[in-house]
Amino acid sequence: MFANAAEILRYTGSGWTEAEALLCEQWFREVWDPPLEHYAYFANGNWETAALQTRMAIAVYCSDRKMFEETVRYAVAGAGNGSIPHMIVFPSGQCQETTRAQHYAQLGLGLLGCTAEVAWNQGVDLYGWDQNRILKGFEYTAKYGLGEDVPFQHYLDRTGKYGRGGRNNDYDRISPLSRGSFWPIFERIFNHYTKRRDVPAPYSSRVIELKGPEGFNMDHVGLGTLCHRRDKRAAPAMLSIPGVPSGFVMRSSDQGIQVSWVRSVDPLGCSNAETYQLMRASRPEGPFLSIAPPLIMSEFLDSSVTGGEVYYYRATASNKAGKSPPSAVIAACAGLPGQWSSSDIGAITVPGFVEYDGAAFSMEGEGRKIGGRADALHYLYAKMEGDGAITARVTRPMSSQWATPGVMMRANLLPDSPHVSVLLHPHWQGGLISRSEKGGETAAGRREPLGDHYVIKKNRLSAPYWIRLERMGDVFSGSMSPDGIQWQSLGSIEVKMNRVIHVGLPACSQLPGVTTTVTYDRVRIPGWSASDR
């Protein structure tokens, strides 16, 4: 709300000087944004949507295209419970907090609706993403609150704490708590879908008839009847250029790089962009050249790529009123660079994958655990011959509160392989573990806490952290560091392995049927290192 209010003050002749507006911008960037930068991976979706809404509003106030792109991308593909697909977990509209309480489900939905409205005013259609997924959440929640039956599926959330089998709360049914109570969140989305876009919202309409005019409460500005009620548009028009393409998601495969983004719109005329121009370069500064004729859809499979190469993309959107400015530059690698490969190891129910953007590896992995007599994880690896070391930096927290990022050396890719690993265990303690023989029991060394300066309330990594594993003959030594300069030893272990081993990075959620996202940068192995950009 502060950021939205500041935007109004800055551009409505309020008497604010530009110097005061810039001081407010500094306040947002230096005080507000740092604790919100990684959203709230550890929490329920309403925490994350609050962070998402605030970061997006800050990005708009600061005219920060890169930050805005990050927030839109997080809205559609973020790791935590606050992204749209993890907040509204099934196409039926069932929400991550449907099983907790109806007022909590509405809290997250209301914040997500505000996020979508901010994006819409920038010409980005989060409202319409994935066939109006946000509307489905509102309609499902309204229908249940009005006393009707709704479909239900069991679900475990991204943290592993809430839902069927949740380690904090084992929710296994729709919660009746607050059923029939409606928060002041429905008027905005009802008027968007039915008046701007001519999409029916029958259950939201019934809530508005029951509760209108809309008031406010301590969680929501509300006042939707006053601020958002509008006449129905006769037909879409083209009154301004469409918004800048935003929310890029890159997925590499054997066929190439799949590039997708959120649809651009003219927010004044309520019309979609007519075409997009997608451009590519081999360097982030360009030159950028078109790689396809004008596109109607906001997606494209770039098959004219060379495996292992990093490419840089940007796009514009056009309609009869003109063409948008170019998007932020987004990097993606065609497959994996150098000698790297990836594979699921052990009993996995959700396949993992890895993306590389020229600087960082983003890994998605499930798996029961790394330990015992057999491991289950997704593994990014390269072969290493003889002595050497792997160094990496964990750049952000994980959604799964039981994930174990680290660095690893394995004799082979079988689940019961001998291995030595440096892991950052839950509650952020570094430790060296090992399996000395095929199918043997895993042995764990001492654990060292990262320290309060790097961890908030045991479960939030507040700054990137380095880990290293080194082999000298049959002796493996682990260490960790807050800065990559001063290293703390985690001990050594002797394990016999062949001269050629598999060295790499794990992603293991320790949750059944739920992956987690792990991001590593500053990765170095013999003969290869990631860019420091």
Protein backbone atom coordinates (compact mmCIF):
# COMPACT_ATOMS: atom_id res chain seq x y z
CA MET A 1 0.00 0.00 0.00
CA PHE A 2 2.89 2.36 0.73
CA ALA A 3 4.28 1.82 -2.77
CA ASN A 4 0.88 2.29 -4.42
CA ALA A 5 0.26 5.44 -2.39
CA ALA A 6 3.72 6.77 -3.26
CA GLU A 7 2.99 6.23 -6.96
CA ILE A 8 -0.16 8.35 -6.66
CA LEU A 9 1.63 11.10 -4.74
CA ARG A 10 4.48 11.21 -7.24
CA TYR A 11 2.33 11.74 -10.33
CA THR A 12 -0.76 13.66 -9.20
CA GLY A 13 0.56 17.10 -8.27
CA SER A 14 0.56 16.35 -4.55
CA GLY A 15 3.36 18.80 -3.82
CA TRP A 16 6.02 16.11 -3.52
CA THR A 17 9.31 17.27 -4.96
CA GLU A 18 11.28 14.93 -7.21
CA ALA A 19 14.03 14.87 -4.57
CA GLU A 20 11.51 13.57 -2.04
CA ALA A 21 10.23 11.02 -4.55
CA LEU A 22 13.77 9.78 -5.15
CA LEU A 23 14.38 9.52 -1.41
CA CYS A 24 11.27 7.34 -1.18
CA GLU A 25 12.62 5.22 -4.02
CA GLN A 26 15.87 4.75 -2.08
CA TRP A 27 13.82 3.75 0.97
CA PHE A 28 11.96 1.11 -1.02
CA ARG A 29 15.12 -0.30 -2.58
CA GLU A 30 17.39 -0.32 0.47
CA VAL A 31 14.97 -1.02 3.32
CA TRP A 32 11.85 -2.70 1.97
CA ASP A 33 13.08 -4.82 -0.91
CA PRO A 34 16.01 -6.77 0.62
CA PRO A 35 13.86 -8.87 2.99
CA LEU A 36 11.31 -9.41 0.20
CA GLU A 37 13.77 -10.31 -2.56
CA HIS A 38 13.27 -14.06 -2.09
CA TYR A 39 9.58 -13.71 -1.22
CA ALA A 40 8.62 -16.18 1.55
CA TYR A 41 9.51 -19.68 0.36
CA PHE A 42 9.10 -21.08 3.87
CA ALA A 43 5.48 -20.00 4.38
CA ASN A 44 1.89 -20.34 3.28
CA GLY A 45 0.87 -18.66 0.05
CA ASN A 46 -0.57 -15.52 1.62
CA TRP A 47 2.89 -14.54 2.91
CA GLU A 48 4.31 -14.91 -0.56
CA THR A 49 1.53 -13.04 -2.35
CA ALA A 50 2.02 -10.16 0.09
CA ALA A 51 5.72 -10.07 -0.82
CA LEU A 52 4.95 -10.47 -4.53
CA GLN A 53 2.42 -7.64 -4.55
CA THR A 54 4.82 -5.33 -2.71
CA ARG A 55 7.83 -6.08 -4.92
CA MET A 56 5.80 -5.53 -8.07
CA ALA A 57 4.52 -2.19 -6.77
CA ILE A 58 8.08 -1.16 -5.85
CA ALA A 59 9.28 -2.12 -9.34
CA VAL A 60 6.60 0.07 -10.92
CA TYR A 61 7.34 3.00 -8.63
CA CYS A 62 11.07 2.74 -9.36
CA SER A 63 10.51 2.14 -13.11
CA ASP A 64 12.73 -0.92 -12.68
CA ARG A 65 12.11 -3.12 -15.72
CA LYS A 66 14.36 -5.92 -14.46
CA MET A 67 12.61 -6.14 -11.08
CA PHE A 68 9.20 -6.01 -12.72
CA GLU A 69 10.19 -8.86 -15.03
CA GLU A 70 11.34 -10.89 -12.02
CA THR A 71 8.04 -10.40 -10.22
CA VAL A 72 5.89 -11.34 -13.21
CA ARG A 73 8.06 -14.41 -13.80
CA TYR A 74 7.72 -15.37 -10.15
CA ALA A 75 3.94 -14.98 -10.37
CA VAL A 76 3.73 -17.65 -13.08
CA ALA A 77 6.73 -19.87 -12.30
CA GLY A 78 7.91 -19.09 -8.77
CA ALA A 79 9.21 -21.76 -6.44
CA GLY A 80 7.05 -21.04 -3.40
CA ASN A 81 3.39 -21.21 -2.44
CA GLY A 82 2.63 -17.68 -3.65
CA SER A 83 3.00 -18.18 -7.39
CA ILE A 84 -0.27 -18.61 -9.26
CA PRO A 85 0.10 -22.37 -9.95
CA HIS A 86 1.16 -23.07 -6.36
CA MET A 87 -1.47 -20.77 -4.85
CA ILE A 88 -4.36 -22.09 -6.98
CA VAL A 89 -3.13 -25.64 -7.03
CA PHE A 90 -5.62 -27.33 -9.35
CA PRO A 91 -7.56 -26.13 -12.42
CA SER A 92 -10.72 -26.64 -10.36
CA GLY A 93 -9.73 -23.53 -8.40
CA GLN A 94 -8.78 -25.34 -5.18
CA CYS A 95 -6.24 -23.23 -3.31
CA GLN A 96 -3.16 -24.05 -1.28
CA GLU A 97 -4.94 -22.84 1.86
CA THR A 98 -8.38 -24.29 1.11
CA THR A 99 -7.61 -26.95 3.72
CA ARG A 100 -6.42 -24.46 6.35
CA ALA A 101 -9.25 -21.90 6.58
CA GLN A 102 -11.43 -19.99 4.14
CA HIS A 103 -10.28 -16.58 5.37
CA TYR A 104 -6.66 -17.60 4.74
CA ALA A 105 -7.52 -18.77 1.23
CA GLN A 106 -9.21 -15.41 0.63
CA LEU A 107 -6.24 -13.53 2.07
CA GLY A 108 -3.91 -15.03 -0.53
CA LEU A 109 -6.43 -14.64 -3.35
CA GLY A 110 -7.04 -10.99 -2.53
CA LEU A 111 -3.34 -10.20 -2.56
CA LEU A 112 -2.94 -12.11 -5.82
CA GLY A 113 -5.82 -10.13 -7.32
CA CYS A 114 -4.08 -6.89 -6.37
CA THR A 115 -0.87 -8.15 -7.98
CA ALA A 116 -2.76 -8.93 -11.18
CA GLU A 117 -4.31 -5.44 -11.18
CA VAL A 118 -0.89 -3.78 -10.86
CA ALA A 119 0.37 -5.93 -13.74
CA TRP A 120 -2.72 -5.15 -15.84
CA ASN A 121 -2.11 -1.42 -15.48
CA GLN A 122 1.37 -2.06 -16.91
CA GLY A 123 -0.17 -3.92 -19.85
CA VAL A 124 0.58 -7.46 -18.60
CA ASP A 125 -2.30 -9.94 -18.33
CA LEU A 126 -1.67 -12.01 -15.21
CA TYR A 127 -5.45 -12.15 -14.81
CA GLY A 128 -5.72 -14.22 -17.99
CA TRP A 129 -2.71 -16.47 -17.43
CA ASP A 130 -3.39 -20.20 -17.75
CA GLN A 131 -7.00 -19.79 -18.88
CA ASN A 132 -7.98 -17.34 -16.12
CA ARG A 133 -6.47 -19.41 -13.31
CA ILE A 134 -6.91 -16.58 -10.80
CA LEU A 135 -10.64 -16.39 -11.52
CA LYS A 136 -10.94 -20.13 -10.94
CA GLY A 137 -9.56 -19.68 -7.43
CA PHE A 138 -12.04 -16.92 -6.63
CA GLU A 139 -14.99 -18.85 -8.07
CA TYR A 140 -14.10 -22.07 -6.22
CA THR A 141 -13.76 -20.24 -2.91
CA ALA A 142 -16.95 -18.24 -3.43
CA LYS A 143 -18.92 -21.34 -4.42
CA TYR A 144 -17.84 -23.22 -1.30
CA GLY A 145 -18.51 -20.20 0.88
CA LEU A 146 -22.01 -19.91 -0.54
CA GLY A 147 -22.78 -23.41 0.70
CA GLU A 148 -22.33 -25.46 -2.44
CA ASP A 149 -20.16 -28.54 -2.92
CA VAL A 150 -16.82 -28.24 -4.70
CA PRO A 151 -14.37 -30.92 -5.89
CA PHE A 152 -11.43 -31.72 -3.64
CA GLN A 153 -8.03 -33.33 -4.18
CA HIS A 154 -5.37 -34.09 -1.61
CA TYR A 155 -2.36 -31.84 -1.87
CA LEU A 156 1.00 -31.31 -0.13
CA ASP A 157 2.31 -27.77 -0.38
CA ARG A 158 5.75 -26.65 -1.57
CA THR A 159 7.18 -26.28 1.93
CA GLY A 160 6.16 -29.78 3.00
CA LYS A 161 4.53 -28.31 6.10
CA TYR A 162 0.88 -28.07 5.06
CA GLY A 163 -1.57 -30.45 3.40
CA ARG A 164 -1.84 -34.22 3.13
CA GLY A 165 1.17 -35.57 5.00
CA GLY A 166 2.31 -32.08 6.03
CA ARG A 167 4.93 -32.14 8.76
CA ASN A 168 3.37 -29.18 10.58
CA ASN A 169 -0.31 -29.63 9.72
CA ASP A 170 -1.67 -32.80 8.12
CA TYR A 171 -4.66 -31.24 6.38
CA ASP A 172 -6.77 -33.84 4.56
CA ARG A 173 -10.09 -32.08 3.87
CA ILE A 174 -11.58 -28.70 2.99
CA SER A 175 -11.67 -26.55 6.09
CA PRO A 176 -15.12 -25.31 7.13
CA LEU A 177 -13.47 -22.58 9.22
CA SER A 178 -14.87 -19.18 8.14
CA ARG A 179 -17.14 -20.78 5.55
CA GLY A 180 -19.75 -18.20 4.59
CA SER A 181 -17.58 -15.25 5.61
CA PHE A 182 -16.36 -13.17 2.69
CA TRP A 183 -13.46 -10.73 2.67
CA PRO A 184 -13.52 -7.48 0.62
CA ILE A 185 -11.69 -8.95 -2.39
CA PHE A 186 -14.33 -9.91 -4.95
CA GLU A 187 -15.42 -6.62 -6.56
CA ARG A 188 -12.09 -5.95 -8.28
CA ILE A 189 -11.82 -9.31 -10.00
CA PHE A 190 -15.54 -9.46 -10.81
CA ASN A 191 -15.37 -6.13 -12.63
CA HIS A 192 -12.19 -7.11 -14.43
CA TYR A 193 -13.42 -10.42 -15.77
CA THR A 194 -17.05 -9.55 -16.49
CA LYS A 195 -16.76 -5.88 -17.52
CA ARG A 196 -13.32 -5.64 -19.12
CA ARG A 197 -13.03 -9.15 -20.57
CA ASP A 198 -16.62 -10.44 -20.84
CA VAL A 199 -15.82 -13.60 -18.85
CA PRO A 200 -18.59 -14.88 -16.54
CA ALA A 201 -17.94 -14.98 -12.78
CA PRO A 202 -21.28 -16.19 -11.40
CA TYR A 203 -20.26 -17.08 -7.84
CA SER A 204 -18.20 -13.92 -7.35
CA SER A 205 -21.26 -12.02 -8.60
CA ARG A 206 -23.42 -13.64 -5.93
CA VAL A 207 -20.92 -12.69 -3.22
CA ILE A 208 -21.01 -9.06 -4.38
CA GLU A 209 -24.82 -9.05 -4.35
CA LEU A 210 -24.74 -10.49 -0.84
CA LYS A 211 -22.04 -8.25 0.63
CA GLY A 212 -22.05 -5.02 -1.39
CA PRO A 213 -21.08 -2.28 -1.21
CA GLU A 214 -17.61 -3.60 -0.51
CA GLY A 215 -15.85 -2.32 2.58
CA PHE A 216 -12.33 -2.95 3.85
CA ASN A 217 -10.49 -4.78 6.62
CA MET A 218 -7.03 -4.88 8.15
CA ASP A 219 -5.69 -7.16 5.40
CA HIS A 220 -7.23 -5.60 2.30
CA VAL A 221 -7.77 -2.05 1.10
CA GLY A 222 -11.01 -3.36 -0.39
CA LEU A 223 -13.45 -0.58 -1.33
CA GLY A 224 -13.86 -2.35 -4.65
CA THR A 225 -17.33 -0.93 -5.30
CA LEU A 226 -15.90 2.57 -5.10
CA CYS A 227 -12.61 1.92 -6.88
CA HIS A 228 -13.30 -0.81 -9.43
CA ARG A 229 -16.98 -0.91 -10.39
CA ARG A 230 -17.33 0.05 -14.06
CA ASP A 231 -19.68 -0.20 -16.99
CA LYS A 232 -19.23 -3.15 -19.28
CA ARG A 233 -17.08 -2.37 -22.31
CA ALA A 234 -19.00 -2.77 -25.54
CA ALA A 235 -16.02 -4.27 -27.36
CA PRO A 236 -12.24 -4.34 -27.00
CA ALA A 237 -10.49 -1.36 -28.57
CA MET A 238 -6.92 -0.30 -29.29
CA LEU A 239 -6.43 2.93 -27.39
CA SER A 240 -2.75 2.58 -26.47
CA ILE A 241 0.23 0.40 -27.25
CA PRO A 242 0.37 -2.95 -25.44
CA GLY A 243 2.52 -3.54 -22.39
CA VAL A 244 6.10 -4.73 -22.57
CA PRO A 245 6.31 -8.56 -22.76
CA SER A 246 7.10 -9.85 -19.27
CA GLY A 247 7.28 -13.01 -17.21
CA PHE A 248 9.62 -15.03 -19.42
CA VAL A 249 9.96 -18.75 -18.71
CA MET A 250 12.69 -20.65 -20.55
CA ARG A 251 12.74 -24.44 -20.85
CA SER A 252 15.39 -26.28 -22.83
CA SER A 253 14.91 -29.71 -24.40
CA ASP A 254 16.28 -31.83 -27.22
CA GLN A 255 14.12 -29.78 -29.60
CA GLY A 256 15.54 -26.39 -28.57
CA ILE A 257 14.62 -23.61 -26.14
CA GLN A 258 10.93 -23.09 -25.42
CA VAL A 259 10.36 -19.39 -24.74
CA SER A 260 7.06 -18.26 -23.22
CA TRP A 261 5.83 -15.09 -21.57
CA VAL A 262 2.65 -13.54 -20.17
CA ARG A 263 0.29 -12.02 -22.72
CA SER A 264 0.57 -8.26 -23.29
CA VAL A 265 -2.54 -6.09 -23.40
CA ASP A 266 -3.67 -2.53 -23.99
CA PRO A 267 -5.05 -1.87 -20.48
CA LEU A 268 -7.11 1.13 -21.62
CA GLY A 269 -8.80 -0.57 -24.55
CA CYS A 270 -8.90 -4.00 -22.84
CA SER A 271 -7.52 -5.65 -25.98
CA ASN A 272 -4.74 -8.17 -26.48
CA ALA A 273 -1.52 -7.44 -28.30
CA GLU A 274 -1.88 -8.44 -31.95
CA THR A 275 1.67 -9.66 -32.56
CA TYR A 276 5.03 -10.16 -30.87
CA GLN A 277 8.54 -9.87 -32.25
CA LEU A 278 11.04 -12.21 -30.58
CA MET A 279 14.73 -11.36 -30.93
CA ARG A 280 17.91 -13.18 -29.98
CA ALA A 281 21.58 -12.35 -29.51
CA SER A 282 24.74 -14.21 -28.57
CA ARG A 283 25.71 -11.50 -26.05
CA PRO A 284 23.54 -9.68 -23.50
CA GLU A 285 24.30 -6.31 -25.09
CA GLY A 286 23.29 -7.53 -28.56
CA PRO A 287 22.97 -7.02 -31.44
CA PHE A 288 19.48 -8.57 -31.33
CA LEU A 289 17.99 -10.05 -34.49
CA SER A 290 14.49 -11.37 -35.10
CA ILE A 291 14.33 -15.16 -35.12
CA ALA A 292 10.74 -15.62 -36.30
CA PRO A 293 8.02 -13.80 -38.23
CA PRO A 294 5.57 -11.82 -36.07
CA LEU A 295 4.05 -14.19 -33.52
CA ILE A 296 0.39 -14.28 -32.53
CA MET A 297 0.92 -16.37 -29.40
CA SER A 298 3.21 -15.47 -26.50
CA GLU A 299 5.43 -18.51 -26.97
CA PHE A 300 7.97 -19.88 -29.41
CA LEU A 301 10.20 -22.94 -29.74
CA ASP A 302 13.64 -21.78 -30.84
CA SER A 303 15.04 -24.84 -32.57
CA SER A 304 17.89 -23.06 -34.36
CA VAL A 305 20.26 -23.32 -31.40
CA THR A 306 23.51 -25.12 -30.69
CA GLY A 307 23.64 -27.38 -27.66
CA GLY A 308 25.57 -25.95 -24.72
CA GLU A 309 25.45 -22.36 -26.00
CA VAL A 310 23.88 -19.49 -24.03
CA TYR A 311 21.48 -17.19 -25.88
CA TYR A 312 19.90 -13.87 -24.93
CA TYR A 313 16.31 -12.98 -25.79
CA ARG A 314 14.02 -9.98 -25.73
CA ALA A 315 10.65 -9.22 -27.28
CA THR A 316 8.25 -6.43 -28.21
CA ALA A 317 4.46 -6.42 -28.47
CA SER A 318 2.45 -4.55 -31.12
CA ASN A 319 -1.06 -3.50 -32.03
CA LYS A 320 -2.47 -0.89 -34.40
CA ALA A 321 -1.59 1.85 -31.91
CA GLY A 322 2.11 1.01 -32.05
CA LYS A 323 4.89 -1.13 -30.63
CA SER A 324 5.98 -1.54 -27.02
CA PRO A 325 9.52 -0.88 -25.80
CA PRO A 326 11.68 -4.03 -25.71
CA SER A 327 11.46 -6.39 -22.78
CA ALA A 328 14.17 -7.12 -20.27
CA VAL A 329 16.92 -9.36 -21.64
CA ILE A 330 16.51 -13.01 -20.63
CA ALA A 331 19.29 -15.61 -20.90
CA ALA A 332 18.92 -19.33 -21.53
CA CYS A 333 21.24 -22.19 -22.41
CA ALA A 334 20.39 -24.77 -25.04
CA GLY A 335 20.67 -27.82 -22.82
CA LEU A 336 23.56 -27.83 -20.37
CA PRO A 337 27.00 -26.28 -20.87
CA GLY A 338 30.32 -28.03 -21.22
CA GLN A 339 30.54 -31.56 -19.86
CA TRP A 340 27.48 -31.25 -17.61
CA SER A 341 24.56 -33.72 -17.64
CA SER A 342 21.68 -34.36 -15.27
CA SER A 343 19.69 -37.38 -14.17
CA ASP A 344 17.21 -38.57 -11.59
CA ILE A 345 18.74 -41.06 -9.18
CA GLY A 346 16.76 -43.58 -7.16
CA ALA A 347 13.03 -43.76 -6.47
CA ILE A 348 11.63 -40.58 -8.03
CA THR A 349 7.95 -39.92 -8.76
CA VAL A 350 8.31 -36.40 -10.25
CA PRO A 351 11.09 -36.05 -12.86
CA GLY A 352 13.60 -33.31 -12.19
CA PHE A 353 15.30 -30.91 -14.58
CA VAL A 354 18.03 -28.26 -14.73
CA GLU A 355 18.21 -24.91 -16.52
CA TYR A 356 21.32 -22.75 -16.95
CA ASP A 357 21.31 -19.04 -17.78
CA GLY A 358 25.02 -18.42 -18.26
CA ALA A 359 25.67 -17.77 -14.57
CA ALA A 360 23.47 -19.99 -12.40
CA PHE A 361 22.02 -23.48 -12.45
CA SER A 362 18.37 -23.69 -11.42
CA MET A 363 17.48 -27.24 -10.43
CA GLU A 364 14.12 -28.83 -9.77
CA GLY A 365 14.22 -32.08 -7.83
CA GLU A 366 12.15 -34.44 -5.71
CA GLY A 367 13.55 -37.40 -3.74
CA ARG A 368 13.15 -38.98 -0.33
CA LYS A 369 16.62 -38.17 0.98
CA ILE A 370 20.36 -38.30 0.48
CA GLY A 371 21.39 -40.89 3.02
CA GLY A 372 20.61 -44.31 4.41
CA ARG A 373 21.57 -47.16 2.10
CA ALA A 374 20.28 -45.52 -1.10
CA ASP A 375 19.70 -41.98 -2.32
CA ALA A 376 16.84 -40.38 -4.23
CA LEU A 377 17.49 -37.01 -5.86
CA HIS A 378 18.01 -35.13 -9.10
CA TYR A 379 21.71 -34.84 -9.87
CA LEU A 380 23.62 -32.38 -12.04
CA TYR A 381 26.99 -33.94 -12.71
CA ALA A 382 30.19 -34.05 -14.74
CA LYS A 383 32.96 -36.62 -14.80
CA MET A 384 36.17 -35.78 -12.95
CA GLU A 385 39.40 -37.73 -13.28
CA GLY A 386 41.86 -37.85 -10.42
CA ASP A 387 42.21 -35.16 -7.79
CA GLY A 388 40.12 -32.02 -7.87
CA ALA A 389 37.42 -29.97 -6.17
CA ILE A 390 33.92 -28.68 -6.73
CA THR A 391 32.88 -25.30 -5.37
CA ALA A 392 29.41 -23.76 -5.54
CA ARG A 393 27.29 -21.09 -3.91
CA VAL A 394 23.70 -21.64 -2.79
CA THR A 395 22.10 -18.35 -3.75
CA ARG A 396 18.66 -18.47 -2.17
CA PRO A 397 16.46 -20.45 0.20
CA MET A 398 14.40 -23.42 -1.00
CA SER A 399 10.65 -23.87 -0.78
CA SER A 400 10.99 -27.32 0.83
CA GLN A 401 12.02 -26.81 4.43
CA TRP A 402 13.73 -30.21 4.34
CA ALA A 403 15.75 -29.74 1.15
CA THR A 404 19.46 -30.52 1.31
CA PRO A 405 21.53 -28.52 -1.20
CA GLY A 406 25.21 -29.25 -1.44
CA VAL A 407 28.11 -30.57 -3.49
CA MET A 408 28.68 -34.26 -4.14
CA MET A 409 31.15 -36.81 -5.50
CA ARG A 410 29.74 -40.22 -6.48
CA ALA A 411 31.35 -43.39 -7.72
CA ASN A 412 28.44 -43.88 -10.15
CA LEU A 413 24.83 -42.89 -10.77
CA LEU A 414 23.20 -45.82 -8.99
CA PRO A 415 21.17 -44.95 -5.88
CA ASP A 416 23.35 -47.08 -3.57
CA SER A 417 26.64 -45.74 -4.95
CA PRO A 418 29.52 -44.84 -2.65
CA HIS A 419 29.65 -41.05 -2.31
CA VAL A 420 30.91 -38.15 -0.24
CA SER A 421 28.85 -34.97 0.04
CA VAL A 422 28.87 -31.61 1.75
CA LEU A 423 25.24 -30.77 2.50
CA LEU A 424 23.46 -27.82 4.03
CA HIS A 425 20.96 -29.63 6.22
CA PRO A 426 17.51 -28.37 7.30
CA HIS A 427 17.77 -25.44 9.71
CA TRP A 428 20.98 -24.54 7.85
CA GLN A 429 23.78 -26.59 9.30
CA GLY A 430 26.70 -27.69 7.14
CA GLY A 431 27.98 -31.23 7.35
CA LEU A 432 30.02 -33.92 5.58
CA ILE A 433 28.30 -37.25 4.90
CA SER A 434 29.57 -40.38 3.14
CA ARG A 435 28.75 -43.91 2.03
CA SER A 436 31.97 -45.89 1.90
CA GLU A 437 30.71 -48.94 0.00
CA LYS A 438 27.94 -49.97 -2.37
CA GLY A 439 24.69 -50.25 -0.41
CA GLY A 440 26.37 -49.30 2.83
CA GLU A 441 24.85 -47.14 5.52
CA THR A 442 25.51 -43.40 5.23
CA ALA A 443 27.80 -41.95 7.89
CA ALA A 444 27.45 -38.35 9.03
CA GLY A 445 30.14 -36.11 10.44
CA ARG A 446 29.66 -33.17 12.75
CA ARG A 447 27.29 -30.39 11.77
CA GLU A 448 28.25 -26.75 11.95
CA PRO A 449 25.61 -23.98 12.04
CA LEU A 450 25.88 -21.23 9.46
CA GLY A 451 25.24 -18.65 12.17
CA ASP A 452 22.51 -16.15 12.97
CA HIS A 453 23.92 -13.59 10.56
CA TYR A 454 23.01 -15.85 7.62
CA VAL A 455 19.84 -17.52 8.90
CA ILE A 456 16.57 -16.00 10.09
CA LYS A 457 14.57 -18.07 12.60
CA LYS A 458 16.35 -21.30 11.63
CA ASN A 459 14.71 -21.72 8.23
CA ARG A 460 15.44 -18.65 6.08
CA LEU A 461 18.79 -18.32 4.34
CA SER A 462 19.35 -14.56 4.35
CA ALA A 463 22.51 -14.44 2.22
CA PRO A 464 24.24 -16.71 -0.32
CA TYR A 465 26.51 -19.38 1.15
CA TRP A 466 29.47 -21.29 -0.31
CA ILE A 467 30.28 -24.99 -0.10
CA ARG A 468 33.27 -27.02 -1.32
CA LEU A 469 34.34 -30.65 -1.59
CA GLU A 470 37.90 -31.65 -2.50
CA ARG A 471 39.41 -35.02 -3.41
CA MET A 472 43.06 -35.90 -2.84
CA GLY A 473 43.53 -39.59 -3.60
CA ASP A 474 41.00 -41.40 -1.43
CA VAL A 475 40.68 -38.53 1.06
CA PHE A 476 37.67 -36.23 0.66
CA SER A 477 37.52 -32.93 2.57
CA GLY A 478 34.55 -30.61 2.97
CA SER A 479 34.26 -26.96 3.90
CA MET A 480 31.83 -24.05 3.84
CA SER A 481 32.18 -20.28 3.68
CA PRO A 482 30.05 -17.14 3.90
CA ASP A 483 32.11 -15.31 1.27
CA GLY A 484 34.18 -17.82 -0.73
CA ILE A 485 37.35 -16.52 0.94
CA GLN A 486 37.31 -17.59 4.58
CA TRP A 487 36.57 -21.33 4.73
CA GLN A 488 35.47 -23.43 7.70
CA SER A 489 36.49 -27.09 7.65
CA LEU A 490 33.76 -29.71 7.98
CA GLY A 491 36.24 -32.56 8.27
CA SER A 492 37.66 -35.28 6.03
CA ILE A 493 36.82 -38.90 5.27
CA GLU A 494 38.63 -41.69 3.43
CA VAL A 495 36.53 -43.49 0.81
CA LYS A 496 37.93 -45.67 -1.96
CA MET A 497 36.60 -44.73 -5.41
CA ASN A 498 37.81 -45.22 -8.97
CA ARG A 499 39.96 -42.58 -10.58
CA VAL A 500 37.00 -41.28 -12.64
CA ILE A 501 33.99 -40.22 -10.56
CA HIS A 502 30.83 -38.13 -10.98
CA VAL A 503 31.09 -34.73 -9.33
CA GLY A 504 28.09 -32.43 -9.08
CA LEU A 505 25.14 -30.75 -7.40
CA PRO A 506 22.03 -32.34 -5.86
CA ALA A 507 18.41 -31.24 -5.68
CA CYS A 508 16.43 -33.25 -3.13
CA SER A 509 13.17 -31.99 -1.63
CA GLN A 510 12.78 -34.85 0.89
CA LEU A 511 9.05 -34.61 0.13
CA PRO A 512 6.90 -37.26 -1.58
CA GLY A 513 5.57 -36.06 -4.91
CA VAL A 514 6.75 -32.46 -4.44
CA THR A 515 9.87 -30.97 -5.99
CA THR A 516 11.93 -28.08 -4.72
CA THR A 517 13.94 -25.45 -6.59
CA VAL A 518 17.64 -25.12 -5.79
CA THR A 519 19.80 -22.41 -7.36
CA TYR A 520 23.59 -22.60 -7.51
CA ASP A 521 26.02 -20.10 -8.97
CA ARG A 522 29.82 -19.54 -8.88
CA VAL A 523 30.16 -23.24 -9.72
CA ARG A 524 33.70 -24.46 -10.41
CA ILE A 525 35.09 -27.88 -11.26
CA PRO A 526 38.38 -28.82 -12.97
CA GLY A 527 38.22 -27.50 -16.53
CA TRP A 528 34.97 -25.52 -16.17
CA SER A 529 33.62 -22.54 -14.22
CA ALA A 530 30.41 -20.54 -14.38
CA SER A 531 30.39 -16.86 -15.25
CA ASP A 532 30.41 -14.45 -12.31
CA ARG A 533 27.98 -12.01 -13.95
